[in-house]
Protein backbone atom coordinates (compact mmCIF):
# COMPACT_ATOMS: atom_id res chain seq x y z
CA MET A 1 8.61 -40.49 50.20
CA PRO A 2 5.47 -42.56 49.62
CA LEU A 3 5.61 -46.28 50.17
CA ASP A 4 3.74 -46.99 46.95
CA PRO A 5 5.92 -45.79 44.08
CA SER A 6 3.23 -46.34 41.46
CA PRO A 7 2.41 -43.26 39.43
CA ASP A 8 -0.59 -41.13 40.22
CA PRO A 9 -3.41 -42.34 37.94
CA ARG A 10 -4.75 -38.81 37.62
CA PRO A 11 -3.51 -36.93 34.55
CA PRO A 12 -1.10 -34.10 35.22
CA ARG A 13 -2.68 -30.73 35.68
CA ALA A 14 -2.54 -28.60 32.55
CA SER A 15 -0.77 -25.29 32.84
CA ALA A 16 -2.79 -22.14 32.47
CA PRO A 17 -3.45 -21.47 28.82
CA SER A 18 -1.69 -18.55 27.23
CA ALA A 19 -3.58 -15.42 26.28
CA ALA A 20 -3.36 -16.37 22.61
CA ARG A 21 -4.77 -19.84 23.23
CA ARG A 22 -7.63 -18.55 25.34
CA ALA A 23 -8.44 -15.94 22.73
CA ARG A 24 -8.52 -18.61 20.05
CA ARG A 25 -10.82 -20.71 22.22
CA GLU A 26 -13.20 -17.80 22.60
CA LEU A 27 -13.25 -17.21 18.87
CA GLU A 28 -14.03 -20.84 18.13
CA ARG A 29 -17.41 -20.33 19.75
CA PHE A 30 -18.42 -18.40 16.67
CA ASP A 31 -17.70 -21.30 14.36
CA ALA A 32 -20.48 -23.43 12.97
CA GLY A 33 -18.24 -26.47 12.99
CA PRO A 34 -14.70 -27.72 13.51
CA HIS A 35 -11.61 -26.08 12.01
CA LEU A 36 -9.31 -27.79 9.56
CA PRO A 37 -6.08 -26.98 11.38
CA GLY A 38 -3.63 -29.22 9.57
CA ARG A 39 -5.03 -29.05 6.11
CA ARG A 40 -2.93 -27.23 3.53
CA LEU A 41 -4.45 -26.67 0.13
CA ASN A 42 -2.52 -25.44 -2.87
CA SER A 43 -5.65 -24.29 -4.63
CA VAL A 44 -4.98 -20.60 -3.91
CA PHE A 45 -1.64 -20.78 -5.70
CA TRP A 46 -2.82 -22.74 -8.72
CA VAL A 47 -6.10 -20.90 -9.22
CA SER A 48 -4.35 -17.53 -8.91
CA VAL A 49 -1.57 -18.45 -11.32
CA THR A 50 -4.06 -19.86 -13.84
CA LEU A 51 -6.24 -16.74 -13.77
CA ILE A 52 -3.22 -14.46 -14.11
CA VAL A 53 -1.81 -16.39 -17.06
CA VAL A 54 -5.22 -16.33 -18.80
CA LEU A 55 -5.55 -12.57 -18.27
CA LEU A 56 -2.02 -11.93 -19.50
CA ALA A 57 -2.62 -14.06 -22.59
CA ALA A 58 -5.83 -12.19 -23.38
CA ALA A 59 -4.16 -8.80 -22.87
CA SER A 60 -1.29 -9.84 -25.16
CA LEU A 61 -3.44 -11.28 -27.94
CA PHE A 62 -6.36 -8.82 -27.84
CA PRO A 63 -5.03 -5.56 -26.31
CA ALA A 64 -7.57 -3.24 -27.97
CA GLN A 65 -10.60 -5.33 -27.03
CA MET A 66 -9.35 -5.84 -23.46
CA ASN A 67 -8.74 -2.13 -23.02
CA ALA A 68 -12.21 -1.25 -24.33
CA ALA A 69 -13.94 -3.77 -22.08
CA ALA A 70 -11.90 -2.79 -19.03
CA GLY A 71 -12.50 0.92 -19.67
CA SER A 72 -16.25 0.43 -19.87
CA ALA A 73 -16.22 -1.62 -16.68
CA MET A 74 -14.15 1.01 -14.87
CA ARG A 75 -16.51 3.83 -15.83
CA TRP A 76 -19.49 1.82 -14.63
CA VAL A 77 -17.82 0.96 -11.31
CA THR A 78 -16.78 4.53 -10.52
CA ALA A 79 -20.14 5.99 -11.58
CA THR A 80 -22.18 3.57 -9.45
CA SER A 81 -19.99 2.92 -6.41
CA GLY A 82 -17.25 5.55 -6.50
CA TRP A 83 -18.69 7.06 -3.32
CA SER A 84 -17.58 3.97 -1.39
CA LEU A 85 -13.96 4.72 -2.27
CA LEU A 86 -14.27 7.88 -0.16
CA VAL A 87 -16.68 6.84 2.57
CA ILE A 88 -15.00 3.59 3.62
CA PRO A 89 -11.45 4.95 4.14
CA LEU A 90 -12.89 7.83 6.17
CA GLY A 91 -14.85 5.38 8.32
CA LEU A 92 -11.72 3.28 8.84
CA ILE A 93 -9.85 6.29 10.22
CA GLY A 94 -12.53 6.74 12.87
CA LEU A 95 -12.61 3.03 13.73
CA LEU A 96 -8.82 2.79 14.08
CA LEU A 97 -8.61 5.82 16.35
CA VAL A 98 -11.34 4.40 18.58
CA ILE A 99 -9.49 1.08 18.80
CA ALA A 100 -6.11 2.71 19.50
CA LEU A 101 -7.32 5.19 22.13
CA SER A 102 -9.61 2.76 23.96
CA ARG A 103 -8.78 -0.22 26.17
CA PHE A 104 -7.93 -2.24 23.04
CA GLY A 105 -4.84 -0.11 22.51
CA ARG A 106 -2.77 -1.90 25.14
CA ILE A 107 -3.10 -5.32 23.47
CA ARG A 108 0.11 -6.48 21.82
CA LEU A 109 0.44 -8.06 18.41
CA GLY A 110 1.79 -11.20 20.00
CA PRO A 111 1.86 -12.71 23.49
CA ASP A 112 1.61 -10.28 26.40
CA ASP A 113 5.34 -10.53 27.07
CA SER A 114 6.44 -10.06 23.45
CA ARG A 115 8.52 -7.08 22.37
CA PRO A 116 9.21 -5.53 18.92
CA GLU A 117 11.41 -7.56 16.59
CA TYR A 118 12.91 -4.51 14.84
CA PRO A 119 14.09 -1.17 16.26
CA THR A 120 11.59 1.64 15.72
CA VAL A 121 13.73 3.47 13.14
CA ALA A 122 14.22 0.31 11.07
CA TRP A 123 10.51 -0.49 11.41
CA ILE A 124 9.47 2.93 10.13
CA ALA A 125 12.01 2.78 7.30
CA MET A 126 10.61 -0.56 6.12
CA LEU A 127 6.98 0.55 6.22
CA LEU A 128 7.86 3.76 4.34
CA GLY A 129 10.17 2.25 1.75
CA ALA A 130 8.12 -0.81 0.97
CA VAL A 131 4.80 0.92 0.39
CA MET A 132 4.66 4.04 -1.74
CA GLY A 133 8.21 4.81 -2.81
CA ILE A 134 7.86 4.99 -6.59
CA GLY A 135 4.73 7.10 -6.31
CA MET A 136 6.70 9.70 -4.39
CA ILE A 137 8.87 10.25 -7.44
CA THR A 138 6.20 9.90 -10.12
CA TYR A 139 3.60 12.04 -8.36
CA GLY A 140 5.73 14.04 -5.90
CA VAL A 141 5.85 16.91 -8.38
CA ALA A 142 3.27 15.85 -10.94
CA GLU A 143 0.16 15.76 -8.75
CA PRO A 144 0.41 19.17 -7.04
CA VAL A 145 1.49 20.98 -10.20
CA SER A 146 -1.24 19.24 -12.22
CA HIS A 147 -3.82 20.44 -9.68
CA LEU A 148 -2.45 23.95 -10.13
CA VAL A 149 -3.16 23.75 -13.86
CA GLN A 150 -6.52 22.01 -13.39
CA PRO A 151 -7.79 22.73 -9.85
CA PRO A 152 -9.78 19.95 -8.13
CA HIS A 153 -13.55 20.25 -8.58
CA GLY A 154 -13.11 23.72 -10.10
CA LEU A 155 -12.72 25.28 -6.65
CA ALA A 156 -10.19 27.88 -7.81
CA GLU A 157 -8.97 29.63 -10.93
CA PRO A 158 -6.23 27.70 -12.76
CA GLY A 159 -2.79 29.07 -11.97
CA SER A 160 -4.03 31.28 -9.12
CA ARG A 161 -2.66 31.63 -5.61
CA GLU A 162 -5.80 29.97 -4.23
CA ALA A 163 -5.22 27.00 -6.51
CA VAL A 164 -1.82 26.43 -4.88
CA VAL A 165 -3.34 25.69 -1.47
CA ASP A 166 -6.13 23.57 -2.96
CA ALA A 167 -3.53 21.59 -4.91
CA MET A 168 -1.75 20.69 -1.69
CA ARG A 169 -4.93 19.95 0.28
CA PHE A 170 -6.15 17.42 -2.25
CA THR A 171 -2.69 15.92 -2.61
CA PHE A 172 -2.67 15.39 1.17
CA LEU A 173 -6.07 13.71 0.77
CA ASP A 174 -4.79 11.31 -1.87
CA TRP A 175 -1.61 10.33 -0.01
CA GLY A 176 -2.41 10.78 3.66
CA LEU A 177 -4.63 9.33 6.33
CA GLN A 178 -7.09 7.57 4.02
CA ALA A 179 -4.37 5.49 2.37
CA TRP A 180 -2.76 4.52 5.65
CA ALA A 181 -6.10 3.72 7.27
CA VAL A 182 -6.63 1.03 4.64
CA PHE A 183 -3.14 -0.34 5.23
CA ALA A 184 -3.49 -0.16 9.02
CA ILE A 185 -6.78 -2.06 9.20
CA PHE A 186 -5.32 -4.93 7.18
CA GLY A 187 -2.03 -4.88 9.08
CA LEU A 188 -3.75 -4.78 12.44
CA ALA A 189 -6.17 -7.59 11.61
CA ILE A 190 -3.50 -9.84 10.09
CA GLY A 191 -0.97 -9.04 12.83
CA TYR A 192 -3.47 -9.82 15.59
CA SER A 193 -4.60 -13.01 13.87
CA THR A 194 -1.11 -14.36 13.19
CA HIS A 195 0.97 -13.15 16.13
CA ARG A 196 -1.62 -13.30 18.92
CA LEU A 197 -3.94 -16.09 17.83
CA GLY A 198 -1.45 -18.21 15.90
CA ASP A 199 -3.42 -18.21 12.65
CA LYS A 200 -1.99 -18.40 9.16
CA GLY A 201 -0.70 -15.21 7.57
CA MET A 202 -3.72 -14.86 5.31
CA VAL A 203 -6.93 -12.85 5.17
CA SER A 204 -9.40 -15.76 5.23
CA PRO A 205 -8.78 -16.91 8.85
CA ILE A 206 -9.66 -13.42 10.11
CA LEU A 207 -13.20 -13.86 8.79
CA ARG A 208 -13.99 -16.84 11.07
CA PRO A 209 -16.07 -14.75 13.49
CA LEU A 210 -18.37 -13.95 10.55
CA ILE A 211 -18.42 -17.08 8.39
CA GLY A 212 -17.19 -19.81 10.75
CA ARG A 213 -15.70 -22.93 9.17
CA HIS A 214 -16.34 -21.52 5.68
CA ALA A 215 -13.20 -19.43 6.20
CA ASP A 216 -11.28 -22.70 5.74
CA GLY A 217 -13.34 -23.80 2.76
CA ALA A 218 -14.24 -22.54 -0.69
CA ILE A 219 -15.30 -19.06 0.45
CA GLY A 220 -12.05 -18.51 2.30
CA LYS A 221 -10.02 -19.73 -0.66
CA ALA A 222 -11.93 -17.39 -2.98
CA VAL A 223 -11.10 -14.47 -0.68
CA ASP A 224 -7.42 -15.40 -0.71
CA VAL A 225 -7.39 -15.68 -4.51
CA LEU A 226 -8.97 -12.22 -4.69
CA VAL A 227 -6.24 -10.97 -2.36
CA VAL A 228 -3.55 -12.36 -4.66
CA LEU A 229 -5.06 -10.82 -7.80
CA SER A 230 -5.64 -7.44 -6.20
CA THR A 231 -2.14 -7.39 -4.71
CA LEU A 232 -0.53 -8.31 -8.01
CA PHE A 233 -2.33 -5.67 -10.07
CA GLY A 234 -1.86 -3.00 -7.40
CA THR A 235 1.87 -3.59 -7.31
CA THR A 236 2.36 -3.87 -11.06
CA THR A 237 1.01 -0.33 -11.37
CA SER A 238 3.92 0.83 -9.24
CA LEU A 239 6.33 -1.21 -11.34
CA GLY A 240 4.98 0.32 -14.53
CA LEU A 241 5.35 3.80 -13.06
CA GLY A 242 8.86 2.95 -11.91
CA ALA A 243 9.92 1.70 -15.33
CA ALA A 244 8.56 4.87 -16.93
CA GLN A 245 10.42 7.05 -14.41
CA ILE A 246 13.69 5.17 -14.89
CA SER A 247 13.50 5.45 -18.68
CA GLN A 248 12.58 9.15 -18.40
CA GLY A 249 15.50 9.77 -16.04
CA LEU A 250 17.94 7.95 -18.30
CA SER A 251 16.71 10.01 -21.24
CA HIS A 252 17.20 13.17 -19.20
CA ILE A 253 20.75 12.19 -18.22
CA THR A 254 21.96 10.86 -21.59
CA GLY A 255 20.04 13.15 -23.93
CA VAL A 256 18.82 10.10 -25.87
CA ASP A 257 15.12 9.25 -26.10
CA LEU A 258 14.71 6.08 -24.06
CA THR A 259 11.04 6.46 -23.19
CA SER A 260 9.59 3.86 -25.56
CA THR A 261 7.54 0.96 -24.25
CA GLY A 262 10.24 -1.45 -25.41
CA VAL A 263 12.87 0.23 -23.25
CA GLN A 264 10.51 0.24 -20.28
CA ILE A 265 9.90 -3.49 -20.66
CA ILE A 266 13.67 -4.08 -20.72
CA VAL A 267 13.97 -2.01 -17.52
CA ILE A 268 11.27 -4.14 -15.90
CA ALA A 269 13.09 -7.34 -16.90
CA LEU A 270 16.39 -6.15 -15.43
CA VAL A 271 14.91 -4.88 -12.18
CA THR A 272 12.78 -8.04 -11.82
CA VAL A 273 16.01 -10.01 -11.46
CA LEU A 274 17.17 -7.63 -8.72
CA PHE A 275 13.99 -7.51 -6.65
CA THR A 276 13.43 -11.26 -6.91
CA ALA A 277 16.96 -11.89 -5.59
CA SER A 278 16.35 -9.39 -2.80
CA ALA A 279 13.06 -11.02 -1.81
CA MET A 280 14.65 -14.47 -1.74
CA SER A 281 17.31 -13.16 0.67
CA GLY A 282 14.61 -12.50 3.29
CA ILE A 283 13.10 -9.52 5.09
CA GLY A 284 15.73 -9.42 7.80
CA ARG A 285 18.49 -8.85 5.26
CA GLY A 286 17.52 -7.58 1.81
CA ILE A 287 14.34 -5.61 2.46
CA ARG A 288 15.45 -4.13 5.79
CA TYR A 289 18.79 -2.75 4.61
CA LEU A 290 17.50 -1.57 1.25
CA SER A 291 14.67 0.29 2.98
CA GLN A 292 17.05 2.05 5.34
CA ALA A 293 19.42 3.05 2.52
CA THR A 294 16.51 4.33 0.45
CA MET A 295 15.21 6.45 3.33
CA VAL A 296 18.61 8.10 3.80
CA ILE A 297 18.93 8.95 0.09
CA ALA A 298 15.36 10.28 -0.07
CA ALA A 299 15.89 12.45 3.02
CA ALA A 300 19.10 13.89 1.53
CA LEU A 301 17.36 14.75 -1.75
CA LEU A 302 14.45 16.36 0.10
CA LEU A 303 16.79 18.53 2.18
CA PHE A 304 18.65 19.58 -0.97
CA VAL A 305 15.46 20.75 -2.68
CA LEU A 306 14.24 22.46 0.48
CA VAL A 307 17.50 24.40 0.93
CA THR A 308 18.08 25.31 -2.74
CA GLY A 309 14.41 25.97 -3.45
CA PRO A 310 12.07 28.67 -2.08
CA THR A 311 12.51 27.63 1.55
CA SER A 312 10.40 30.27 3.33
CA TRP A 313 7.65 30.01 0.73
CA LEU A 314 7.52 26.22 1.17
CA ILE A 315 7.27 26.45 4.96
CA SER A 316 4.41 28.93 4.68
CA LEU A 317 2.70 26.75 2.06
CA PHE A 318 2.95 23.66 4.26
CA LEU A 319 1.47 25.36 7.33
CA ARG A 320 -1.35 26.98 5.39
CA SER A 321 -2.17 23.83 3.41
CA ALA A 322 -2.02 21.60 6.49
CA GLY A 323 -4.34 23.98 8.33
CA GLY A 324 -6.79 23.97 5.44
CA TYR A 325 -6.60 20.20 5.15
CA VAL A 326 -7.30 19.65 8.85
CA GLY A 327 -9.99 22.31 9.05
CA ASP A 328 -11.92 21.02 6.05
CA PHE A 329 -10.95 17.37 6.44
CA VAL A 330 -14.42 15.82 6.42
CA GLU A 331 -15.67 18.09 3.63
CA ILE A 332 -12.86 17.38 1.18
CA SER A 333 -12.88 13.69 2.14
CA LEU A 334 -16.48 13.38 0.94
CA LEU A 335 -16.39 15.71 -2.07
CA LEU A 336 -18.00 13.64 -4.84
CA PRO A 337 -18.31 14.50 -8.56
CA LEU A 338 -21.36 16.42 -9.75
CA ASP A 339 -20.98 16.04 -13.51
CA GLY A 340 -19.19 14.01 -16.17
CA ALA A 341 -16.10 16.22 -16.33
CA ASP A 342 -15.69 16.07 -12.56
CA LEU A 343 -16.11 12.28 -12.61
CA GLU A 344 -13.42 11.98 -15.28
CA TRP A 345 -11.06 14.10 -13.16
CA MET A 346 -11.68 11.91 -10.11
CA GLN A 347 -11.13 8.74 -12.13
CA GLY A 348 -7.66 10.03 -12.93
CA TRP A 349 -6.85 11.18 -9.42
CA THR A 350 -8.86 10.62 -6.21
CA PHE A 351 -10.82 7.52 -7.26
CA PHE A 352 -7.71 5.98 -8.79
CA MET A 353 -5.61 6.74 -5.71
CA MET A 354 -8.16 5.31 -3.29
CA ALA A 355 -8.59 2.18 -5.44
CA TRP A 356 -4.81 1.85 -5.56
CA TRP A 357 -4.57 1.87 -1.77
CA ILE A 358 -7.42 -0.60 -1.43
CA SER A 359 -5.79 -2.97 -3.92
CA TRP A 360 -2.57 -2.67 -1.89
CA GLY A 361 -4.37 -3.25 1.41
CA ALA A 362 -3.70 -6.94 1.90
CA PHE A 363 -0.17 -6.73 0.49
CA VAL A 364 0.82 -3.92 2.83
CA GLY A 365 -1.17 -5.50 5.66
CA VAL A 366 0.71 -8.80 5.50
CA PHE A 367 4.02 -6.95 5.29
CA LEU A 368 3.18 -4.60 8.19
CA ALA A 369 2.03 -7.57 10.24
CA ARG A 370 5.28 -9.39 9.51
CA ILE A 371 7.46 -6.52 10.74
CA SER A 372 5.25 -5.39 13.66
CA ARG A 373 5.25 -8.36 15.99
CA GLY A 374 5.42 -7.21 19.62
CA ARG A 375 4.04 -3.70 19.00
CA THR A 376 1.00 -2.59 20.96
CA ILE A 377 -2.12 -1.82 18.98
CA ARG A 378 -1.96 1.81 20.14
CA GLN A 379 1.62 2.22 18.93
CA PHE A 380 0.91 0.41 15.67
CA VAL A 381 -2.15 2.50 14.77
CA LEU A 382 -0.78 5.91 15.77
CA VAL A 383 2.57 5.39 14.03
CA VAL A 384 1.16 3.79 10.88
CA LEU A 385 -1.49 6.50 10.52
CA GLY A 386 0.57 9.49 11.63
CA VAL A 387 4.22 9.16 10.65
CA PRO A 388 3.87 8.23 6.95
CA SER A 389 1.08 10.79 6.46
CA LEU A 390 3.32 13.53 7.88
CA VAL A 391 6.38 12.40 5.91
CA PHE A 392 4.51 12.30 2.61
CA SER A 393 2.86 15.66 3.28
CA VAL A 394 6.29 17.21 3.76
CA TRP A 395 7.64 15.45 0.66
CA PHE A 396 4.82 16.63 -1.60
CA THR A 397 5.01 20.15 -0.22
CA VAL A 398 8.74 20.46 -0.84
CA PHE A 399 8.79 18.95 -4.33
CA GLY A 400 5.33 19.87 -5.58
CA GLY A 401 5.44 23.28 -3.91
CA SER A 402 8.81 24.07 -5.47
CA ALA A 403 7.46 23.22 -8.93
CA MET A 404 4.37 25.39 -8.40
CA PHE A 405 6.61 28.27 -7.28
CA MET A 406 8.72 27.87 -10.43
CA ASP A 407 5.62 27.94 -12.62
CA LEU A 408 4.09 30.96 -10.86
CA GLU A 409 7.24 33.06 -10.50
CA ARG A 410 9.38 31.97 -13.44
CA GLY A 411 6.90 30.60 -15.97
CA THR A 412 8.75 27.30 -16.31
CA GLY A 413 5.76 25.32 -17.60
CA ILE A 414 6.35 22.23 -15.46
CA GLY A 415 2.60 21.89 -14.88
CA ALA A 416 1.75 22.03 -18.58
CA ALA A 417 4.36 19.35 -19.31
CA ALA A 418 3.04 17.17 -16.47
CA ALA A 419 -0.47 17.38 -17.91
CA GLU A 420 0.91 15.73 -21.05
CA ASN A 421 3.23 13.25 -19.32
CA VAL A 422 3.48 12.91 -15.53
CA ASN A 423 6.91 11.29 -15.83
CA THR A 424 8.53 14.56 -16.93
CA ALA A 425 7.56 16.55 -13.85
CA PHE A 426 10.15 15.41 -11.33
CA PHE A 427 13.10 15.86 -13.67
CA GLY A 428 11.60 19.15 -14.90
CA LEU A 429 11.89 20.50 -11.36
CA LEU A 430 15.48 19.29 -10.98
CA GLU A 431 16.31 21.21 -14.17
CA GLU A 432 15.50 24.45 -12.33
CA LEU A 433 17.80 23.69 -9.36
CA PRO A 434 21.60 23.51 -9.00
CA LEU A 435 23.58 20.32 -9.68
CA THR A 436 20.98 18.99 -12.10
CA GLY A 437 23.18 16.21 -13.44
CA ILE A 438 24.01 14.84 -9.99
CA THR A 439 20.47 15.10 -8.61
CA SER A 440 19.03 13.45 -11.71
CA VAL A 441 21.33 10.45 -11.25
CA ILE A 442 20.37 10.28 -7.56
CA ALA A 443 16.69 10.41 -8.51
CA VAL A 444 17.10 7.48 -10.91
CA ILE A 445 18.96 5.49 -8.24
CA LEU A 446 16.17 6.30 -5.79
CA VAL A 447 13.52 5.03 -8.21
CA VAL A 448 15.47 1.81 -8.74
CA LEU A 449 15.77 1.28 -4.99
CA TYR A 450 12.07 2.02 -4.45
CA PHE A 451 11.31 -0.33 -7.33
CA ILE A 452 13.25 -3.12 -5.63
CA THR A 453 12.00 -2.56 -2.07
CA GLY A 454 8.36 -2.34 -3.16
CA ALA A 455 8.50 -5.28 -5.53
CA ASP A 456 10.42 -7.62 -3.25
CA SER A 457 7.95 -6.90 -0.45
CA ASN A 458 5.17 -7.75 -2.88
CA THR A 459 6.92 -10.96 -3.92
CA TYR A 460 7.29 -11.99 -0.29
CA VAL A 461 3.62 -11.31 0.50
CA LEU A 462 2.37 -13.21 -2.55
CA GLY A 463 4.59 -16.09 -1.47
CA VAL A 464 3.06 -16.05 2.03
CA ILE A 465 -0.54 -16.01 0.79
CA SER A 466 0.01 -18.74 -1.79
CA SER A 467 1.98 -20.94 0.65
CA ASP A 468 -0.94 -21.46 3.01
CA GLY A 469 0.05 -18.50 5.16
CA ARG A 470 3.60 -19.60 5.94
CA MET A 471 5.70 -16.59 6.98
CA ASP A 472 8.78 -18.20 5.40
CA PRO A 473 7.65 -19.14 1.85
CA GLY A 474 9.97 -21.32 -0.17
CA ARG A 475 12.36 -19.83 -2.68
CA PRO A 476 10.79 -21.52 -5.72
CA VAL A 477 7.44 -19.89 -4.84
CA MET A 478 9.13 -16.50 -4.39
CA LEU A 479 10.90 -16.92 -7.72
CA MET A 480 7.62 -17.75 -9.45
CA TRP A 481 5.89 -14.65 -8.06
CA GLY A 482 8.83 -12.43 -8.89
CA LEU A 483 8.71 -13.51 -12.51
CA LEU A 484 4.91 -13.23 -12.71
CA THR A 485 4.99 -9.73 -11.20
CA GLY A 486 7.49 -8.53 -13.76
CA ALA A 487 5.64 -10.24 -16.60
CA THR A 488 2.30 -8.69 -15.58
CA ALA A 489 3.75 -5.19 -15.47
CA ALA A 490 5.38 -5.68 -18.89
CA VAL A 491 2.23 -7.07 -20.53
CA LEU A 492 -0.01 -4.30 -19.18
CA LEU A 493 2.42 -1.65 -20.38
CA TYR A 494 2.44 -3.28 -23.80
CA ALA A 495 -1.34 -3.55 -23.87
CA GLY A 496 -2.20 0.01 -22.90
CA GLY A 497 0.46 1.82 -20.93
CA LEU A 498 -0.35 3.72 -17.75
CA GLN A 499 -4.08 3.79 -18.53
CA ALA A 500 -4.20 -0.02 -18.60
CA LEU A 501 -2.37 -0.17 -15.27
CA GLN A 502 -4.79 2.30 -13.67
CA THR A 503 -7.82 0.43 -15.01
CA ALA A 504 -6.52 -2.91 -13.70
CA VAL A 505 -6.09 -1.39 -10.24
CA MET A 506 -9.59 0.09 -10.08
CA LEU A 507 -11.27 -3.09 -11.26
CA SER A 508 -9.33 -5.32 -8.87
CA ALA A 509 -10.14 -3.01 -5.95
CA ALA A 510 -13.91 -2.91 -6.53
CA PRO A 511 -14.81 -6.30 -5.01
CA PHE A 512 -12.21 -5.78 -2.30
CA ILE A 513 -14.40 -3.15 -0.64
CA ILE A 514 -16.65 -5.92 0.70
CA VAL A 515 -13.61 -7.77 2.07
CA ILE A 516 -12.47 -4.63 3.92
CA LEU A 517 -15.86 -4.18 5.59
CA ALA A 518 -15.97 -7.84 6.66
CA LEU A 519 -12.40 -7.61 7.92
CA ALA A 520 -13.17 -4.56 10.07
CA VAL A 521 -16.21 -6.22 11.66
CA SER A 522 -14.29 -9.44 12.36
CA LEU A 523 -11.41 -7.51 13.91
CA VAL A 524 -13.71 -5.77 16.38
CA MET A 525 -15.36 -9.10 17.27
CA MET A 526 -11.95 -10.66 17.95
CA LEU A 527 -10.66 -7.78 20.02
CA ARG A 528 -13.75 -7.72 22.24
CA ARG A 529 -12.96 -11.29 23.30
CA ASP A 530 -9.26 -10.86 23.93
CA PRO A 531 -8.35 -12.44 27.31
CA LEU A 532 -6.31 -9.40 28.34
CA LEU A 533 -9.61 -7.55 28.54
CA THR A 534 -12.06 -10.29 29.47
CA THR A 535 -9.97 -11.52 32.43
CA GLY A 536 -9.47 -8.03 33.82
CA ALA A 537 -5.68 -8.25 33.62
CA PRO A 538 -3.88 -4.97 34.42
């Protein structure tokens, strides 16, 4: 014991910085000036809400003029830059695979000692149920059977055996790897930024390697407002589709025509109450359990159709279509329109689908980041790219393939009806199978559950972005976004139906292409300076 008990004048030695802190320190070298770490601005929330209210008012008061202007803008966008909707998702697939299979793959979305928050099965159920549920019902039958009637790019004769395989190949294109590559790049970037670097749960902080302190200023706020608008319009398309499917299913069950726009708006109002309550209960409770229940019901319905439908024919169709899809992957991924008719077809299908996924990118990215803490980058990328793509390929083969078989072998006319109204296709198939009454009720329940899981995930994400990146947004904010989401879907349906929803998605996705490119570049810059790699840790 020393004689002089006075304290050592030297400051205590700081402990070794964590990997996340060192990574953040490395990234700060890119900045042109200091961060604004404690500053919380509400401008994203208020600017977003103001713009949305103005757009909704204009669509309500001048629906014809808004539709005409939006239609002209959409045609110009797809004619001049539609190619980017194909090229960029394909490039993202390559980038993600390089990241996952290289040394970057062992980095965790969180500290080095972190582990996954949710079990793998629950994790997969949430990412499946919260992303594209309603589309599986609306387009699960309608897209393949529509491609049978009108083959993509005129590659086959309508109604021919060759058209069956092409219908599945291009359906796989619209719902497979390209879609999930967009989601994965956002989820990976946001997950790395929030869980490993301790940033806010927003897109703007990820752009610091490119724009420095401007990510915390006006440019960053503009990006976040764009994220909010794109997310809202992307999700309201799903809500509009869900309302149409629910009203169609109720009409099918009751025998009463309930497909009017007024009925669909009432459906939206009722379900808005449900998904807002679910979102306010939190991810760990409402969204998690609803997603798991939805996955079980969907799997049971798929097995029923597979067993009672043309089982052997469907298995053969899946293997042949998957082989054709993989063998010609790059070719069909870059097949662009050559004339006006082909452009119109792509605006209704491939261009619309790709724009839909891009508009959903930040929404799904924030949600995937929230549920993926502790996963390695390799696990995240391979699962997010592979598992949903396989699941949806099987789903579309079973349901869409069964409908095509019915049309080819029994002349049921499901495809012709779908060309007039896509909402009739799913229930048209169930009409040709046993237990129609029971399966129709199950299908309606499934749509309602998908409606809730998708919309409450959206409400949560909008709450995060507009609450300065807080992963636990307040209930009043969640309530506000729940009501605005339902109102937007209702107004767009009133203004122009499904066409208005599709147009809103494509226009909101157009400027988002630049954000995706910047995000990908920033992500690579951040990963290259991760301490796990720069310090030579095992």
